[in-house]
Amino acid sequence: METAKAVSNQEENVIETNTEVILQYRNYEVNMDDVTKRVKAHYIAKGYQADSIENMQIYVKPEDFTAYYVINDGVVGKVNLF
């Protein structure tokens, strides 16, 4: 059984890698980083400041071709996925 110190040491030794998450649905494909950028742009277009984002949840619903979001536990919206 690993101790908390051993687990902590393993986490420190993790090498950062570039990760790209792609959602594929039917004949469509979208990079999730692009969806995040669209959500932020939509938030800013609503009149909010980009630096006011404290937390953000994005809910992807490919069957609706939509990403729904909640920013700062109160601002809600949606953007097209594809």
N, C-alpha and C. Protein backbone atom coordinates (compact mmCIF):
# COMPACT_ATOMS: atom_id res chain seq x y z
N MET A 1 0.83 -1.18 0.00
CA MET A 1 0.00 0.00 0.00
C MET A 1 0.88 1.25 0.00
N GLU A 2 0.57 2.19 -0.89
CA GLU A 2 1.39 3.39 -1.00
C GLU A 2 1.05 4.38 0.10
N THR A 3 2.08 5.04 0.58
CA THR A 3 1.83 6.07 1.58
C THR A 3 1.51 7.38 0.89
N ALA A 4 0.99 8.33 1.63
CA ALA A 4 0.65 9.64 1.06
C ALA A 4 1.90 10.33 0.54
N LYS A 5 3.04 10.13 1.21
CA LYS A 5 4.29 10.75 0.77
C LYS A 5 4.74 10.16 -0.56
N ALA A 6 4.62 8.87 -0.74
CA ALA A 6 5.01 8.22 -2.00
C ALA A 6 4.13 8.71 -3.14
N VAL A 7 2.84 8.84 -2.90
CA VAL A 7 1.93 9.33 -3.93
C VAL A 7 2.27 10.77 -4.27
N SER A 8 2.57 11.57 -3.27
CA SER A 8 2.93 12.97 -3.49
C SER A 8 4.20 13.07 -4.34
N ASN A 9 5.18 12.24 -4.06
CA ASN A 9 6.42 12.24 -4.84
C ASN A 9 6.16 11.83 -6.28
N GLN A 10 5.27 10.88 -6.51
CA GLN A 10 4.94 10.45 -7.86
C GLN A 10 4.26 11.59 -8.62
N GLU A 11 3.38 12.33 -7.97
CA GLU A 11 2.69 13.45 -8.62
C GLU A 11 3.67 14.54 -9.02
N GLU A 12 4.71 14.76 -8.23
CA GLU A 12 5.72 15.77 -8.55
C GLU A 12 6.55 15.37 -9.75
N ASN A 13 6.68 14.08 -10.01
CA ASN A 13 7.51 13.59 -11.10
C ASN A 13 6.75 13.46 -12.42
N VAL A 14 5.48 13.83 -12.43
CA VAL A 14 4.68 13.72 -13.66
C VAL A 14 5.15 14.78 -14.65
N ILE A 15 5.37 14.37 -15.87
CA ILE A 15 5.80 15.28 -16.92
C ILE A 15 4.57 15.85 -17.60
N GLU A 16 4.53 17.17 -17.73
CA GLU A 16 3.42 17.82 -18.41
C GLU A 16 3.47 17.48 -19.90
N THR A 17 2.33 17.15 -20.46
CA THR A 17 2.25 16.85 -21.88
C THR A 17 1.17 17.70 -22.52
N ASN A 18 1.31 17.95 -23.79
CA ASN A 18 0.27 18.64 -24.53
C ASN A 18 -0.83 17.63 -24.82
N THR A 19 -2.02 17.96 -24.38
CA THR A 19 -3.15 17.06 -24.57
C THR A 19 -4.20 17.77 -25.40
N GLU A 20 -4.73 17.07 -26.37
CA GLU A 20 -5.78 17.61 -27.22
C GLU A 20 -6.97 16.67 -27.12
N VAL A 21 -8.13 17.20 -26.75
CA VAL A 21 -9.33 16.40 -26.63
C VAL A 21 -10.24 16.75 -27.81
N ILE A 22 -10.56 15.74 -28.60
CA ILE A 22 -11.39 15.91 -29.79
C ILE A 22 -12.68 15.14 -29.58
N LEU A 23 -13.80 15.81 -29.79
CA LEU A 23 -15.09 15.14 -29.73
C LEU A 23 -15.50 14.80 -31.16
N GLN A 24 -15.81 13.54 -31.39
CA GLN A 24 -16.31 13.10 -32.69
C GLN A 24 -17.74 12.61 -32.49
N TYR A 25 -18.62 13.11 -33.36
CA TYR A 25 -20.02 12.72 -33.30
C TYR A 25 -20.56 12.70 -34.71
N ARG A 26 -21.05 11.55 -35.10
CA ARG A 26 -21.49 11.33 -36.47
C ARG A 26 -20.37 11.74 -37.43
N ASN A 27 -20.63 12.65 -38.34
CA ASN A 27 -19.60 13.08 -39.29
C ASN A 27 -18.94 14.39 -38.86
N TYR A 28 -19.06 14.75 -37.58
CA TYR A 28 -18.54 16.02 -37.08
C TYR A 28 -17.39 15.78 -36.13
N GLU A 29 -16.57 16.81 -35.99
CA GLU A 29 -15.42 16.73 -35.11
C GLU A 29 -15.13 18.14 -34.59
N VAL A 30 -14.84 18.25 -33.30
CA VAL A 30 -14.52 19.55 -32.71
C VAL A 30 -13.47 19.38 -31.62
N ASN A 31 -12.54 20.31 -31.57
CA ASN A 31 -11.52 20.35 -30.54
C ASN A 31 -12.16 21.01 -29.31
N MET A 32 -12.04 20.40 -28.17
CA MET A 32 -12.69 20.92 -26.97
C MET A 32 -12.06 22.24 -26.50
N ASP A 33 -10.81 22.48 -26.85
CA ASP A 33 -10.21 23.79 -26.55
C ASP A 33 -10.93 24.89 -27.32
N ASP A 34 -11.33 24.59 -28.55
CA ASP A 34 -12.07 25.57 -29.35
C ASP A 34 -13.45 25.85 -28.74
N VAL A 35 -14.07 24.81 -28.20
CA VAL A 35 -15.37 25.00 -27.54
C VAL A 35 -15.20 25.90 -26.32
N THR A 36 -14.15 25.69 -25.56
CA THR A 36 -13.88 26.52 -24.38
C THR A 36 -13.66 27.97 -24.80
N LYS A 37 -12.94 28.20 -25.88
CA LYS A 37 -12.73 29.56 -26.38
C LYS A 37 -14.05 30.19 -26.80
N ARG A 38 -14.91 29.42 -27.45
CA ARG A 38 -16.22 29.94 -27.86
C ARG A 38 -17.07 30.32 -26.65
N VAL A 39 -17.01 29.49 -25.62
CA VAL A 39 -17.77 29.78 -24.39
C VAL A 39 -17.28 31.09 -23.79
N LYS A 40 -15.97 31.26 -23.68
CA LYS A 40 -15.42 32.49 -23.12
C LYS A 40 -15.81 33.70 -23.97
N ALA A 41 -15.75 33.56 -25.29
CA ALA A 41 -16.12 34.65 -26.19
C ALA A 41 -17.60 35.01 -26.03
N HIS A 42 -18.45 34.00 -25.86
CA HIS A 42 -19.87 34.23 -25.66
C HIS A 42 -20.12 34.96 -24.35
N TYR A 43 -19.40 34.58 -23.32
CA TYR A 43 -19.49 35.23 -22.01
C TYR A 43 -19.10 36.70 -22.11
N ILE A 44 -18.01 36.97 -22.80
CA ILE A 44 -17.54 38.35 -22.97
C ILE A 44 -18.53 39.15 -23.81
N ALA A 45 -19.11 38.53 -24.83
CA ALA A 45 -20.11 39.20 -25.67
C ALA A 45 -21.35 39.59 -24.87
N LYS A 46 -21.60 38.90 -23.77
CA LYS A 46 -22.72 39.25 -22.91
C LYS A 46 -22.41 40.47 -22.04
N GLY A 47 -21.17 40.97 -22.12
CA GLY A 47 -20.79 42.17 -21.38
C GLY A 47 -19.95 41.92 -20.14
N TYR A 48 -19.54 40.69 -19.92
CA TYR A 48 -18.70 40.37 -18.76
C TYR A 48 -17.23 40.49 -19.13
N GLN A 49 -16.40 40.66 -18.11
CA GLN A 49 -14.96 40.75 -18.30
C GLN A 49 -14.34 39.35 -18.24
N ALA A 50 -13.38 39.09 -19.10
CA ALA A 50 -12.73 37.77 -19.15
C ALA A 50 -12.05 37.44 -17.82
N ASP A 51 -11.48 38.44 -17.18
CA ASP A 51 -10.77 38.17 -15.93
C ASP A 51 -11.71 37.97 -14.74
N SER A 52 -13.01 38.07 -14.98
CA SER A 52 -13.98 37.83 -13.89
C SER A 52 -14.34 36.36 -13.75
N ILE A 53 -13.84 35.52 -14.65
CA ILE A 53 -14.16 34.09 -14.59
C ILE A 53 -13.39 33.44 -13.45
N GLU A 54 -14.15 32.93 -12.49
CA GLU A 54 -13.55 32.22 -11.35
C GLU A 54 -13.68 30.71 -11.54
N ASN A 55 -14.81 30.27 -12.09
CA ASN A 55 -15.00 28.85 -12.36
C ASN A 55 -15.94 28.72 -13.55
N MET A 56 -15.80 27.60 -14.24
CA MET A 56 -16.58 27.39 -15.45
C MET A 56 -16.84 25.90 -15.61
N GLN A 57 -18.09 25.56 -15.87
CA GLN A 57 -18.45 24.19 -16.19
C GLN A 57 -19.07 24.19 -17.58
N ILE A 58 -18.63 23.25 -18.40
CA ILE A 58 -19.15 23.12 -19.76
C ILE A 58 -19.75 21.73 -19.89
N TYR A 59 -21.00 21.68 -20.31
CA TYR A 59 -21.72 20.42 -20.48
C TYR A 59 -21.93 20.21 -21.97
N VAL A 60 -21.33 19.18 -22.52
CA VAL A 60 -21.36 18.91 -23.95
C VAL A 60 -22.49 17.93 -24.25
N LYS A 61 -23.37 18.34 -25.15
CA LYS A 61 -24.48 17.48 -25.53
C LYS A 61 -24.46 17.37 -27.06
N PRO A 62 -23.68 16.43 -27.59
CA PRO A 62 -23.51 16.34 -29.04
C PRO A 62 -24.80 16.07 -29.81
N GLU A 63 -25.74 15.36 -29.20
CA GLU A 63 -26.99 15.07 -29.92
C GLU A 63 -27.79 16.34 -30.18
N ASP A 64 -27.53 17.41 -29.40
CA ASP A 64 -28.15 18.72 -29.63
C ASP A 64 -27.21 19.67 -30.38
N PHE A 65 -25.99 19.19 -30.68
CA PHE A 65 -24.96 20.02 -31.31
C PHE A 65 -24.67 21.27 -30.48
N THR A 66 -24.72 21.13 -29.16
CA THR A 66 -24.63 22.28 -28.27
C THR A 66 -23.74 21.99 -27.07
N ALA A 67 -23.04 23.04 -26.61
CA ALA A 67 -22.33 23.01 -25.34
C ALA A 67 -22.99 24.04 -24.43
N TYR A 68 -23.49 23.59 -23.30
CA TYR A 68 -24.11 24.47 -22.32
C TYR A 68 -23.06 24.81 -21.27
N TYR A 69 -23.13 26.03 -20.73
CA TYR A 69 -22.12 26.40 -19.74
C TYR A 69 -22.73 27.14 -18.56
N VAL A 70 -21.99 27.08 -17.45
CA VAL A 70 -22.28 27.85 -16.25
C VAL A 70 -20.96 28.47 -15.82
N ILE A 71 -20.94 29.78 -15.69
CA ILE A 71 -19.73 30.50 -15.26
C ILE A 71 -20.03 31.20 -13.95
N ASN A 72 -19.10 31.06 -13.02
CA ASN A 72 -19.20 31.68 -11.69
C ASN A 72 -20.51 31.30 -10.99
N ASP A 73 -20.95 30.09 -11.18
CA ASP A 73 -22.13 29.53 -10.52
C ASP A 73 -23.41 30.31 -10.77
N GLY A 74 -23.46 31.12 -11.86
CA GLY A 74 -24.68 31.88 -12.08
C GLY A 74 -24.96 32.29 -13.51
N VAL A 75 -23.93 32.55 -14.27
CA VAL A 75 -24.13 32.98 -15.65
C VAL A 75 -24.23 31.73 -16.52
N VAL A 76 -25.36 31.58 -17.21
CA VAL A 76 -25.58 30.39 -18.03
C VAL A 76 -25.71 30.80 -19.49
N GLY A 77 -25.40 29.86 -20.36
CA GLY A 77 -25.52 30.09 -21.79
C GLY A 77 -25.26 28.83 -22.56
N LYS A 78 -25.25 28.98 -23.87
CA LYS A 78 -24.95 27.84 -24.73
C LYS A 78 -24.30 28.34 -26.01
N VAL A 79 -23.49 27.46 -26.60
CA VAL A 79 -22.83 27.74 -27.88
C VAL A 79 -22.96 26.50 -28.76
N ASN A 80 -22.87 26.73 -30.04
CA ASN A 80 -22.90 25.60 -30.99
C ASN A 80 -21.60 24.83 -30.90
N LEU A 81 -21.71 23.51 -31.00
CA LEU A 81 -20.51 22.68 -30.97
C LEU A 81 -19.78 22.69 -32.30
N PHE A 82 -20.53 22.58 -33.40
CA PHE A 82 -19.91 22.39 -34.70
C PHE A 82 -20.19 23.58 -35.60
